Amino acid sequence: MEQKKVYNHKKITSDYAARDYLDKPEKSIIEELKPYLKDMSMLDMGVGAGRTTKYFLPLVNCYIGADYAPNMIEECRRKFSRRNIFEVADVRDMKKFASDMFDFVLFSYNGIDSFDEKSRLVALSEIKRVLRNNGFFAFSTHNINWEGIYDIFRFSTIYRKLLKKNDNRFFKAVFLFFKSFYFLIRLNILNKALFMASFINYLRKEGHGILADNSLNGKVRIYYSSLDYQLNQLRKAGFCNIKTYSVNGIKTEDSMELNKGGWIYYLCQLKK
């Protein structure tokens, strides 16, 4: 199924609508930008069902939330009285937004990882177009060098996770045992890899790649990148003053600290 259709599904929309929080790095980024936010025009791209809206909307001068999934935008309009601040828009084609329109673009919750390499570069080009000179871009992305990445594809991890969500009666446990094998085999097939550890090691050498992981039970394919590869990608796109944050909200350049988490958060500026 096309990824856009997955995120536009009513069940997924309902799940996203229940989320009402900021991640620790997002809070750190707010603190970093605090002196500037009140004068900023902000684009909250990949806004989903409005998880970040209530936190950023009061802080900025002008706010627009956008997502390519219409059901997500309808949920945003239902939740917030200011319906006119939400737009259906694909980050790869933001013709409804003028060039140099925003001071700050946020693309949270690894939204940019829904695209392959080619589409990702198009997205960065469009973000560059709508951002003003010296404008800020913040986003999160999956980390191919995450210490725990192998656990996603281990039978014991999958089984424990399923068992934790259910009761541990004998017949239920047996059913979940075989269900775990099914999930594991399915992930191998989706990734076209017999040995996932070898495939992950290959992607690490490349610095980036696409993985079918446990996101939405493998229904979507996710872009992963290394710290060095992502930094280089941003610099080539015209971004500078790049800051990185661990999943614990720590601003750091230490790859060992950053690799403790499955995501890395970036905050950078555009130089045109």
C-alpha atoms as a PDB file:
ATOM      1  CA  MET A   1       0.000   0.000   0.000  1.00  0.00           C
ATOM      2  CA  GLU A   2       1.226   3.507  -0.821  1.00  0.00           C
ATOM      3  CA  GLN A   3       2.555   5.177   2.329  1.00  0.00           C
ATOM      4  CA  LYS A   4       0.263   8.175   1.968  1.00  0.00           C
ATOM      5  CA  LYS A   5      -2.759   5.847   2.018  1.00  0.00           C
ATOM      6  CA  VAL A   6      -1.476   4.177   5.181  1.00  0.00           C
ATOM      7  CA  TYR A   7      -1.162   7.488   7.034  1.00  0.00           C
ATOM      8  CA  ASN A   8      -4.553   8.602   5.695  1.00  0.00           C
ATOM      9  CA  HIS A   9      -6.298   5.516   7.115  1.00  0.00           C
ATOM     10  CA  LYS A  10      -8.879   6.372   9.758  1.00  0.00           C
ATOM     11  CA  LYS A  11      -7.413   3.943  12.296  1.00  0.00           C
ATOM     12  CA  ILE A  12      -3.962   5.534  11.956  1.00  0.00           C
ATOM     13  CA  THR A  13      -5.477   9.013  12.138  1.00  0.00           C
ATOM     14  CA  SER A  14      -7.263   8.084  15.374  1.00  0.00           C
ATOM     15  CA  ASP A  15      -4.027   6.761  16.829  1.00  0.00           C
ATOM     16  CA  TYR A  16      -2.187   9.981  15.962  1.00  0.00           C
ATOM     17  CA  ALA A  17      -5.065  12.090  17.308  1.00  0.00           C
ATOM     18  CA  ALA A  18      -4.571  10.565  20.767  1.00  0.00           C
ATOM     19  CA  ARG A  19      -0.972  11.830  20.940  1.00  0.00           C
ATOM     20  CA  ASP A  20      -0.526  15.020  22.926  1.00  0.00           C
ATOM     21  CA  TYR A  21       3.071  15.625  23.949  1.00  0.00           C
ATOM     22  CA  LEU A  22       6.429  16.979  22.880  1.00  0.00           C
ATOM     23  CA  ASP A  23       9.515  14.806  22.723  1.00  0.00           C
ATOM     24  CA  LYS A  24      12.438  15.920  24.881  1.00  0.00           C
ATOM     25  CA  PRO A  25      14.470  17.124  21.893  1.00  0.00           C
ATOM     26  CA  GLU A  26      11.501  19.168  20.677  1.00  0.00           C
ATOM     27  CA  LYS A  27      11.423  20.894  24.053  1.00  0.00           C
ATOM     28  CA  SER A  28      15.162  21.543  23.742  1.00  0.00           C
ATOM     29  CA  ILE A  29      14.656  23.042  20.280  1.00  0.00           C
ATOM     30  CA  ILE A  30      11.967  25.358  21.650  1.00  0.00           C
ATOM     31  CA  GLU A  31      14.443  26.569  24.268  1.00  0.00           C
ATOM     32  CA  GLU A  32      17.089  27.063  21.580  1.00  0.00           C
ATOM     33  CA  LEU A  33      14.728  29.156  19.440  1.00  0.00           C
ATOM     34  CA  LYS A  34      12.961  30.935  22.298  1.00  0.00           C
ATOM     35  CA  PRO A  35      14.443  34.391  21.558  1.00  0.00           C
ATOM     36  CA  TYR A  36      13.151  34.283  17.960  1.00  0.00           C
ATOM     37  CA  LEU A  37       9.848  32.374  18.008  1.00  0.00           C
ATOM     38  CA  LYS A  38       7.532  35.309  18.753  1.00  0.00           C
ATOM     39  CA  ASP A  39       8.521  36.977  15.473  1.00  0.00           C
ATOM     40  CA  MET A  40       8.540  33.826  13.354  1.00  0.00           C
ATOM     41  CA  SER A  41       6.264  32.524  10.623  1.00  0.00           C
ATOM     42  CA  MET A  42       6.230  28.768  11.135  1.00  0.00           C
ATOM     43  CA  LEU A  43       5.358  25.820   8.905  1.00  0.00           C
ATOM     44  CA  ASP A  44       4.610  22.678  10.918  1.00  0.00           C
ATOM     45  CA  MET A  45       5.032  20.169   8.091  1.00  0.00           C
ATOM     46  CA  GLY A  46       3.860  16.605   8.639  1.00  0.00           C
ATOM     47  CA  VAL A  47       1.692  17.941  11.436  1.00  0.00           C
ATOM     48  CA  GLY A  48      -0.262  14.689  11.572  1.00  0.00           C
ATOM     49  CA  ALA A  49      -3.303  15.074  13.807  1.00  0.00           C
ATOM     50  CA  GLY A  50      -1.887  18.131  15.579  1.00  0.00           C
ATOM     51  CA  ARG A  51       0.420  16.631  18.202  1.00  0.00           C
ATOM     52  CA  THR A  52       2.770  19.640  18.124  1.00  0.00           C
ATOM     53  CA  THR A  53       0.231  22.369  17.298  1.00  0.00           C
ATOM     54  CA  LYS A  54      -0.873  23.413  20.768  1.00  0.00           C
ATOM     55  CA  TYR A  55       2.746  23.804  21.874  1.00  0.00           C
ATOM     56  CA  PHE A  56       4.036  25.893  18.960  1.00  0.00           C
ATOM     57  CA  LEU A  57       0.927  27.848  17.964  1.00  0.00           C
ATOM     58  CA  PRO A  58       0.988  30.214  20.980  1.00  0.00           C
ATOM     59  CA  LEU A  59       4.720  30.832  20.617  1.00  0.00           C
ATOM     60  CA  VAL A  60       4.994  32.050  17.016  1.00  0.00           C
ATOM     61  CA  ASN A  61       3.719  35.077  15.117  1.00  0.00           C
ATOM     62  CA  CYS A  62       2.142  33.048  12.316  1.00  0.00           C
ATOM     63  CA  TYR A  63       1.488  29.286  12.233  1.00  0.00           C
ATOM     64  CA  ILE A  64       0.499  26.893   9.442  1.00  0.00           C
ATOM     65  CA  GLY A  65       0.172  23.134   9.936  1.00  0.00           C
ATOM     66  CA  ALA A  66       0.371  20.935   6.840  1.00  0.00           C
ATOM     67  CA  ASP A  67       0.218  17.238   6.006  1.00  0.00           C
ATOM     68  CA  TYR A  68      -0.236  15.212   2.832  1.00  0.00           C
ATOM     69  CA  ALA A  69      -2.897  13.015   4.468  1.00  0.00           C
ATOM     70  CA  PRO A  70      -6.313  14.753   4.212  1.00  0.00           C
ATOM     71  CA  ASN A  71      -7.793  12.809   7.145  1.00  0.00           C
ATOM     72  CA  MET A  72      -4.994  14.081   9.380  1.00  0.00           C
ATOM     73  CA  ILE A  73      -5.786  17.679   8.430  1.00  0.00           C
ATOM     74  CA  GLU A  74      -9.499  17.119   9.008  1.00  0.00           C
ATOM     75  CA  GLU A  75      -8.660  15.864  12.501  1.00  0.00           C
ATOM     76  CA  CYS A  76      -6.559  18.986  13.129  1.00  0.00           C
ATOM     77  CA  ARG A  77      -9.430  21.204  12.022  1.00  0.00           C
ATOM     78  CA  ARG A  78     -11.777  19.292  14.309  1.00  0.00           C
ATOM     79  CA  LYS A  79      -9.478  19.678  17.324  1.00  0.00           C
ATOM     80  CA  PHE A  80      -8.587  23.343  16.873  1.00  0.00           C
ATOM     81  CA  SER A  81     -11.002  26.248  16.409  1.00  0.00           C
ATOM     82  CA  ARG A  82      -8.702  28.047  13.958  1.00  0.00           C
ATOM     83  CA  ARG A  83      -9.416  25.736  11.037  1.00  0.00           C
ATOM     84  CA  ASN A  84      -7.860  28.065   8.464  1.00  0.00           C
ATOM     85  CA  ILE A  85      -4.316  27.442   9.752  1.00  0.00           C
ATOM     86  CA  PHE A  86      -4.229  23.874   8.404  1.00  0.00           C
ATOM     87  CA  GLU A  87      -3.517  22.889   4.807  1.00  0.00           C
ATOM     88  CA  VAL A  88      -3.306  19.643   2.861  1.00  0.00           C
ATOM     89  CA  ALA A  89       0.149  19.809   1.289  1.00  0.00           C
ATOM     90  CA  ASP A  90       2.930  17.450   0.244  1.00  0.00           C
ATOM     91  CA  VAL A  91       6.388  18.645   1.296  1.00  0.00           C
ATOM     92  CA  ARG A  92       7.703  17.582  -2.118  1.00  0.00           C
ATOM     93  CA  ASP A  93       5.365  19.999  -3.902  1.00  0.00           C
ATOM     94  CA  MET A  94       4.460  23.030  -1.795  1.00  0.00           C
ATOM     95  CA  LYS A  95       3.284  25.289  -4.616  1.00  0.00           C
ATOM     96  CA  LYS A  96       0.558  26.722  -2.383  1.00  0.00           C
ATOM     97  CA  PHE A  97       3.301  28.312  -0.264  1.00  0.00           C
ATOM     98  CA  ALA A  98       5.327  31.227  -1.621  1.00  0.00           C
ATOM     99  CA  SER A  99       9.100  31.279  -1.731  1.00  0.00           C
ATOM    100  CA  ASP A 100      10.763  32.855   1.344  1.00  0.00           C
ATOM    101  CA  MET A 101       7.473  32.577   3.249  1.00  0.00           C
ATOM    102  CA  PHE A 102       8.641  31.029   6.532  1.00  0.00           C
ATOM    103  CA  ASP A 103      11.261  31.663   9.209  1.00  0.00           C
ATOM    104  CA  PHE A 104      10.953  28.188  10.703  1.00  0.00           C
ATOM    105  CA  VAL A 105      10.002  24.792   9.267  1.00  0.00           C
ATOM    106  CA  LEU A 106       9.450  21.852  11.597  1.00  0.00           C
ATOM    107  CA  PHE A 107       9.161  18.320  10.175  1.00  0.00           C
ATOM    108  CA  SER A 108       8.673  16.234  13.305  1.00  0.00           C
ATOM    109  CA  TYR A 109       8.141  12.551  14.079  1.00  0.00           C
ATOM    110  CA  ASN A 110      10.498  11.412  11.307  1.00  0.00           C
ATOM    111  CA  GLY A 111       8.044  12.558   8.648  1.00  0.00           C
ATOM    112  CA  ILE A 112      10.835  13.013   6.146  1.00  0.00           C
ATOM    113  CA  ASP A 113      11.690   9.324   6.513  1.00  0.00           C
ATOM    114  CA  SER A 114       8.543   8.368   4.602  1.00  0.00           C
ATOM    115  CA  PHE A 115      10.429   9.105   1.381  1.00  0.00           C
ATOM    116  CA  ASP A 116      13.235   7.446  -0.526  1.00  0.00           C
ATOM    117  CA  GLU A 117      16.510   9.238  -1.294  1.00  0.00           C
ATOM    118  CA  LYS A 118      15.281  11.001  -4.442  1.00  0.00           C
ATOM    119  CA  SER A 119      12.057  12.261  -2.850  1.00  0.00           C
ATOM    120  CA  ARG A 120      13.931  13.271   0.294  1.00  0.00           C
ATOM    121  CA  LEU A 121      16.203  15.553  -1.733  1.00  0.00           C
ATOM    122  CA  VAL A 122      13.163  17.054  -3.459  1.00  0.00           C
ATOM    123  CA  ALA A 123      11.621  17.677  -0.020  1.00  0.00           C
ATOM    124  CA  LEU A 124      14.791  19.412   1.194  1.00  0.00           C
ATOM    125  CA  SER A 125      14.789  21.550  -1.961  1.00  0.00           C
ATOM    126  CA  GLU A 126      11.190  22.620  -1.363  1.00  0.00           C
ATOM    127  CA  ILE A 127      11.878  23.365   2.306  1.00  0.00           C
ATOM    128  CA  LYS A 128      14.823  25.475   1.177  1.00  0.00           C
ATOM    129  CA  ARG A 129      12.568  27.369  -1.252  1.00  0.00           C
ATOM    130  CA  VAL A 130       9.885  28.306   1.285  1.00  0.00           C
ATOM    131  CA  LEU A 131      12.408  29.216   4.008  1.00  0.00           C
ATOM    132  CA  ARG A 132      13.804  32.717   4.269  1.00  0.00           C
ATOM    133  CA  ASN A 133      17.537  33.285   4.389  1.00  0.00           C
ATOM    134  CA  ASN A 134      18.850  32.427   7.874  1.00  0.00           C
ATOM    135  CA  GLY A 135      15.589  30.586   8.557  1.00  0.00           C
ATOM    136  CA  PHE A 136      15.566  27.487  10.781  1.00  0.00           C
ATOM    137  CA  PHE A 137      14.753  23.896   9.878  1.00  0.00           C
ATOM    138  CA  ALA A 138      14.187  21.234  12.564  1.00  0.00           C
ATOM    139  CA  PHE A 139      13.415  17.568  12.010  1.00  0.00           C
ATOM    140  CA  SER A 140      14.038  14.068  13.307  1.00  0.00           C
ATOM    141  CA  THR A 141      15.216  11.031  11.379  1.00  0.00           C
ATOM    142  CA  HIS A 142      15.874   7.340  12.001  1.00  0.00           C
ATOM    143  CA  ASN A 143      19.429   6.458  12.973  1.00  0.00           C
ATOM    144  CA  ILE A 144      20.984   3.496  11.125  1.00  0.00           C
ATOM    145  CA  ASN A 145      23.742   3.334  13.781  1.00  0.00           C
ATOM    146  CA  TRP A 146      21.343   2.995  16.692  1.00  0.00           C
ATOM    147  CA  GLU A 147      22.682   0.468  19.205  1.00  0.00           C
ATOM    148  CA  GLY A 148      19.353  -1.317  19.497  1.00  0.00           C
ATOM    149  CA  ILE A 149      18.465  -1.627  15.823  1.00  0.00           C
ATOM    150  CA  TYR A 150      19.205  -5.363  15.653  1.00  0.00           C
ATOM    151  CA  ASP A 151      16.624  -6.048  18.375  1.00  0.00           C
ATOM    152  CA  ILE A 152      13.807  -5.010  16.030  1.00  0.00           C
ATOM    153  CA  PHE A 153      14.515  -8.108  13.950  1.00  0.00           C
ATOM    154  CA  ARG A 154      15.117 -10.626  16.756  1.00  0.00           C
ATOM    155  CA  PHE A 155      12.478 -13.254  17.465  1.00  0.00           C
ATOM    156  CA  SER A 156      12.903 -12.957  21.253  1.00  0.00           C
ATOM    157  CA  THR A 157      12.260  -9.198  21.150  1.00  0.00           C
ATOM    158  CA  ILE A 158       9.166  -9.530  18.964  1.00  0.00           C
ATOM    159  CA  TYR A 159       7.776 -12.345  21.113  1.00  0.00           C
ATOM    160  CA  ARG A 160       8.330 -10.507  24.415  1.00  0.00           C
ATOM    161  CA  LYS A 161       6.675  -7.403  23.025  1.00  0.00           C
ATOM    162  CA  LEU A 162       3.585  -9.310  21.879  1.00  0.00           C
ATOM    163  CA  LEU A 163       3.410 -11.287  25.128  1.00  0.00           C
ATOM    164  CA  LYS A 164       3.600  -8.100  27.184  1.00  0.00           C
ATOM    165  CA  LYS A 165       0.552  -6.691  25.402  1.00  0.00           C
ATOM    166  CA  ASN A 166      -1.505  -9.831  26.034  1.00  0.00           C
ATOM    167  CA  ASP A 167      -2.170 -12.210  28.890  1.00  0.00           C
ATOM    168  CA  ASN A 168       0.218 -15.129  29.297  1.00  0.00           C
ATOM    169  CA  ARG A 169      -2.238 -18.007  29.247  1.00  0.00           C
ATOM    170  CA  PHE A 170      -0.690 -21.111  27.694  1.00  0.00           C
ATOM    171  CA  PHE A 171      -2.662 -21.285  24.425  1.00  0.00           C
ATOM    172  CA  LYS A 172      -2.393 -17.531  23.938  1.00  0.00           C
ATOM    173  CA  ALA A 173       1.357 -17.736  24.497  1.00  0.00           C
ATOM    174  CA  VAL A 174       1.650 -20.530  21.925  1.00  0.00           C
ATOM    175  CA  PHE A 175      -0.351 -18.500  19.403  1.00  0.00           C
ATOM    176  CA  LEU A 176       1.864 -15.451  19.965  1.00  0.00           C
ATOM    177  CA  PHE A 177       4.946 -17.642  19.587  1.00  0.00           C
ATOM    178  CA  PHE A 178       3.945 -18.544  16.034  1.00  0.00           C
ATOM    179  CA  LYS A 179       2.712 -15.021  15.343  1.00  0.00           C
ATOM    180  CA  SER A 180       6.166 -13.729  16.247  1.00  0.00           C
ATOM    181  CA  PHE A 181       7.725 -16.077  13.714  1.00  0.00           C
ATOM    182  CA  TYR A 182       5.279 -14.773  11.125  1.00  0.00           C
ATOM    183  CA  PHE A 183       6.243 -11.158  11.875  1.00  0.00           C
ATOM    184  CA  LEU A 184       9.931 -11.990  11.698  1.00  0.00           C
ATOM    185  CA  ILE A 185       9.653 -13.837   8.380  1.00  0.00           C
ATOM    186  CA  ARG A 186       7.471 -11.058   6.990  1.00  0.00           C
ATOM    187  CA  LEU A 187      10.092  -8.420   7.826  1.00  0.00           C
ATOM    188  CA  ASN A 188      12.796 -10.512   6.144  1.00  0.00           C
ATOM    189  CA  ILE A 189      10.645 -10.828   3.019  1.00  0.00           C
ATOM    190  CA  LEU A 190       9.809  -7.108   2.952  1.00  0.00           C
ATOM    191  CA  ASN A 191      13.493  -6.263   3.259  1.00  0.00           C
ATOM    192  CA  LYS A 192      14.480  -8.954   0.743  1.00  0.00           C
ATOM    193  CA  ALA A 193      17.111 -10.116   3.200  1.00  0.00           C
ATOM    194  CA  LEU A 194      17.743 -13.581   4.605  1.00  0.00           C
ATOM    195  CA  PHE A 195      19.950 -12.263   7.396  1.00  0.00           C
ATOM    196  CA  MET A 196      18.864  -8.871   8.707  1.00  0.00           C
ATOM    197  CA  ALA A 197      22.083  -8.259  10.654  1.00  0.00           C
ATOM    198  CA  SER A 198      24.082  -8.495   7.424  1.00  0.00           C
ATOM    199  CA  PHE A 199      21.635  -6.204   5.638  1.00  0.00           C
ATOM    200  CA  ILE A 200      21.821  -3.603   8.425  1.00  0.00           C
ATOM    201  CA  ASN A 201      25.625  -3.740   8.350  1.00  0.00           C
ATOM    202  CA  TYR A 202      25.493  -3.126   4.608  1.00  0.00           C
ATOM    203  CA  LEU A 203      23.273  -0.060   5.099  1.00  0.00           C
ATOM    204  CA  ARG A 204      25.631   1.207   7.779  1.00  0.00           C
ATOM    205  CA  LYS A 205      28.529   1.054   5.321  1.00  0.00           C
ATOM    206  CA  GLU A 206      26.419   2.911   2.755  1.00  0.00           C
ATOM    207  CA  GLY A 207      25.417   5.469   5.392  1.00  0.00           C
ATOM    208  CA  HIS A 208      21.723   5.290   4.543  1.00  0.00           C
ATOM    209  CA  GLY A 209      18.977   3.068   3.170  1.00  0.00           C
ATOM    210  CA  ILE A 210      15.381   1.918   3.348  1.00  0.00           C
ATOM    211  CA  LEU A 211      14.161  -0.528   5.992  1.00  0.00           C
ATOM    212  CA  ALA A 212      10.826  -2.172   6.626  1.00  0.00           C
ATOM    213  CA  ASP A 213      10.942  -2.168  10.420  1.00  0.00           C
ATOM    214  CA  ASN A 214       8.277  -2.397  13.125  1.00  0.00           C
ATOM    215  CA  SER A 215       6.689   0.927  12.108  1.00  0.00           C
ATOM    216  CA  LEU A 216       2.964   0.264  11.715  1.00  0.00           C
ATOM    217  CA  ASN A 217       3.725  -3.487  11.672  1.00  0.00           C
ATOM    218  CA  GLY A 218       5.952  -3.159   8.626  1.00  0.00           C
ATOM    219  CA  LYS A 219       3.259  -1.463   6.519  1.00  0.00           C
ATOM    220  CA  VAL A 220       5.583   1.418   5.658  1.00  0.00           C
ATOM    221  CA  ARG A 221       9.185   1.514   4.503  1.00  0.00           C
ATOM    222  CA  ILE A 222      11.424   3.870   6.473  1.00  0.00           C
ATOM    223  CA  TYR A 223      14.529   5.816   5.487  1.00  0.00           C
ATOM    224  CA  TYR A 224      17.450   5.425   7.885  1.00  0.00           C
ATOM    225  CA  SER A 225      20.688   7.408   7.786  1.00  0.00           C
ATOM    226  CA  SER A 226      23.904   7.771   9.727  1.00  0.00           C
ATOM    227  CA  LEU A 227      24.884  10.991  11.468  1.00  0.00           C
ATOM    228  CA  ASP A 228      27.683  11.728   8.991  1.00  0.00           C
ATOM    229  CA  TYR A 229      25.532  10.993   5.946  1.00  0.00           C
ATOM    230  CA  GLN A 230      22.706  13.225   7.188  1.00  0.00           C
ATOM    231  CA  LEU A 231      25.076  16.081   8.020  1.00  0.00           C
ATOM    232  CA  ASN A 232      26.566  15.886   4.538  1.00  0.00           C
ATOM    233  CA  GLN A 233      23.098  15.783   2.954  1.00  0.00           C
ATOM    234  CA  LEU A 234      22.074  18.934   4.814  1.00  0.00           C
ATOM    235  CA  ARG A 235      25.253  20.818   3.924  1.00  0.00           C
ATOM    236  CA  LYS A 236      24.860  19.964   0.240  1.00  0.00           C
ATOM    237  CA  ALA A 237      21.287  21.286   0.402  1.00  0.00           C
ATOM    238  CA  GLY A 238      22.524  24.639   1.748  1.00  0.00           C
ATOM    239  CA  PHE A 239      22.003  24.246   5.484  1.00  0.00           C
ATOM    240  CA  CYS A 240      24.588  25.222   8.090  1.00  0.00           C
ATOM    241  CA  ASN A 241      24.999  25.793  11.851  1.00  0.00           C
ATOM    242  CA  ILE A 242      23.725  22.247  12.319  1.00  0.00           C
ATOM    243  CA  LYS A 243      22.954  21.166  15.867  1.00  0.00           C
ATOM    244  CA  THR A 244      22.109  17.591  16.852  1.00  0.00           C
ATOM    245  CA  TYR A 245      20.031  16.299  19.770  1.00  0.00           C
ATOM    246  CA  SER A 246      19.784  12.842  21.281  1.00  0.00           C
ATOM    247  CA  VAL A 247      16.423  11.241  22.084  1.00  0.00           C
ATOM    248  CA  ASN A 248      17.027  12.397  25.661  1.00  0.00           C
ATOM    249  CA  GLY A 249      16.993  16.011  24.519  1.00  0.00           C
ATOM    250  CA  ILE A 250      20.748  16.489  24.953  1.00  0.00           C
ATOM    251  CA  LYS A 251      22.384  18.827  22.438  1.00  0.00           C
ATOM    252  CA  THR A 252      25.575  17.003  21.520  1.00  0.00           C
ATOM    253  CA  GLU A 253      27.945  16.131  18.685  1.00  0.00           C
ATOM    254  CA  ASP A 254      29.009  12.922  20.419  1.00  0.00           C
ATOM    255  CA  SER A 255      28.056  10.049  18.109  1.00  0.00           C
ATOM    256  CA  MET A 256      28.159   7.569  20.998  1.00  0.00           C
ATOM    257  CA  GLU A 257      25.478   9.543  22.836  1.00  0.00           C
ATOM    258  CA  LEU A 258      23.401  10.036  19.685  1.00  0.00           C
ATOM    259  CA  ASN A 259      23.593   6.339  18.795  1.00  0.00           C
ATOM    260  CA  LYS A 260      21.923   5.368  22.062  1.00  0.00           C
ATOM    261  CA  GLY A 261      18.621   6.276  20.433  1.00  0.00           C
ATOM    262  CA  GLY A 262      16.765   5.205  17.308  1.00  0.00           C
ATOM    263  CA  TRP A 263      16.211   8.814  16.252  1.00  0.00           C
ATOM    264  CA  ILE A 264      18.451  11.863  15.920  1.00  0.00           C
ATOM    265  CA  TYR A 265      17.008  15.382  15.971  1.00  0.00           C
ATOM    266  CA  TYR A 266      18.528  18.160  13.875  1.00  0.00           C
ATOM    267  CA  LEU A 267      18.258  21.935  14.007  1.00  0.00           C
ATOM    268  CA  CYS A 268      19.950  23.934  11.261  1.00  0.00           C
ATOM    269  CA  GLN A 269      19.859  27.250   9.415  1.00  0.00           C
ATOM    270  CA  LEU A 270      19.566  28.037   5.735  1.00  0.00           C
ATOM    271  CA  LYS A 271      22.092  30.110   3.855  1.00  0.00           C
ATOM    272  CA  LYS A 272      20.855  31.249   0.436  1.00  0.00           C
END
